[in-house]
Amino acid sequence: MTVLRTGELAVAAGVNTQTLRYYERRGLLAEPQRSLGGHLCIRSNRSRCCG
């Protein structure tokens, strides 16, 4: 898995960070795994599904 910050995933998906958080709250995105430092652990192709 690739470790991304929320902002990095947002840029890759073409949305802002608040949009990603909204998608998570609404259940449109599965709850992501997080590293010990709190960073998102995302499969590299997941960003293609957002936005």
C-alpha atoms as a PDB file:
ATOM      1  CA  MET A   1       0.000   0.000   0.000  1.00  0.00           C
ATOM      2  CA  THR A   2       0.999   3.578  -0.570  1.00  0.00           C
ATOM      3  CA  VAL A   3       1.001   5.932   2.418  1.00  0.00           C
ATOM      4  CA  LEU A   4      -0.575   9.277   1.521  1.00  0.00           C
ATOM      5  CA  ARG A   5      -1.570  12.347   3.435  1.00  0.00           C
ATOM      6  CA  THR A   6      -5.168  13.421   2.939  1.00  0.00           C
ATOM      7  CA  GLY A   7      -4.010  16.420   0.897  1.00  0.00           C
ATOM      8  CA  GLU A   8      -1.971  14.225  -1.424  1.00  0.00           C
ATOM      9  CA  LEU A   9      -4.930  11.950  -2.062  1.00  0.00           C
ATOM     10  CA  ALA A  10      -7.180  14.963  -2.626  1.00  0.00           C
ATOM     11  CA  VAL A  11      -4.808  16.362  -5.263  1.00  0.00           C
ATOM     12  CA  ALA A  12      -4.586  12.972  -6.986  1.00  0.00           C
ATOM     13  CA  ALA A  13      -8.386  12.709  -7.016  1.00  0.00           C
ATOM     14  CA  GLY A  14      -8.944  16.311  -8.106  1.00  0.00           C
ATOM     15  CA  VAL A  15     -10.978  17.261  -5.020  1.00  0.00           C
ATOM     16  CA  ASN A  16     -10.233  19.154  -1.807  1.00  0.00           C
ATOM     17  CA  THR A  17      -9.571  17.546   1.574  1.00  0.00           C
ATOM     18  CA  GLN A  18     -12.981  18.496   2.948  1.00  0.00           C
ATOM     19  CA  THR A  19     -14.617  16.622   0.074  1.00  0.00           C
ATOM     20  CA  LEU A  20     -12.659  13.473   0.962  1.00  0.00           C
ATOM     21  CA  ARG A  21     -13.651  13.784   4.618  1.00  0.00           C
ATOM     22  CA  TYR A  22     -17.281  14.304   3.580  1.00  0.00           C
ATOM     23  CA  TYR A  23     -17.154  11.164   1.417  1.00  0.00           C
ATOM     24  CA  GLU A  24     -15.755   9.202   4.389  1.00  0.00           C
ATOM     25  CA  ARG A  25     -18.453  10.500   6.774  1.00  0.00           C
ATOM     26  CA  ARG A  26     -21.236   9.655   4.306  1.00  0.00           C
ATOM     27  CA  GLY A  27     -19.871   6.154   3.747  1.00  0.00           C
ATOM     28  CA  LEU A  28     -19.019   6.763   0.092  1.00  0.00           C
ATOM     29  CA  LEU A  29     -15.427   5.745   0.812  1.00  0.00           C
ATOM     30  CA  ALA A  30     -14.504   2.818   2.991  1.00  0.00           C
ATOM     31  CA  GLU A  31     -12.771   3.742   6.226  1.00  0.00           C
ATOM     32  CA  PRO A  32      -9.101   3.845   5.260  1.00  0.00           C
ATOM     33  CA  GLN A  33      -6.351   2.189   7.231  1.00  0.00           C
ATOM     34  CA  ARG A  34      -4.049   4.663   8.925  1.00  0.00           C
ATOM     35  CA  SER A  35      -0.368   4.494   9.771  1.00  0.00           C
ATOM     36  CA  LEU A  36       0.807   4.942  13.339  1.00  0.00           C
ATOM     37  CA  GLY A  37       1.379   8.599  12.466  1.00  0.00           C
ATOM     38  CA  GLY A  38      -2.242   8.961  11.322  1.00  0.00           C
ATOM     39  CA  HIS A  39      -1.513   9.069   7.593  1.00  0.00           C
ATOM     40  CA  LEU A  40      -3.845   7.311   5.180  1.00  0.00           C
ATOM     41  CA  CYS A  41      -2.731   3.949   3.817  1.00  0.00           C
ATOM     42  CA  ILE A  42      -4.291   3.771   0.391  1.00  0.00           C
ATOM     43  CA  ARG A  43      -4.021   1.279  -2.428  1.00  0.00           C
ATOM     44  CA  SER A  44      -2.446   3.161  -5.310  1.00  0.00           C
ATOM     45  CA  ASN A  45      -5.494   2.755  -7.594  1.00  0.00           C
ATOM     46  CA  ARG A  46      -8.009   3.978  -5.005  1.00  0.00           C
ATOM     47  CA  SER A  47      -7.477   7.646  -5.867  1.00  0.00           C
ATOM     48  CA  ARG A  48      -8.905   6.950  -9.336  1.00  0.00           C
ATOM     49  CA  CYS A  49     -12.287   6.181  -7.757  1.00  0.00           C
ATOM     50  CA  CYS A  50     -12.688   9.430  -5.855  1.00  0.00           C
ATOM     51  CA  GLY A  51     -14.231  12.602  -7.188  1.00  0.00           C
END
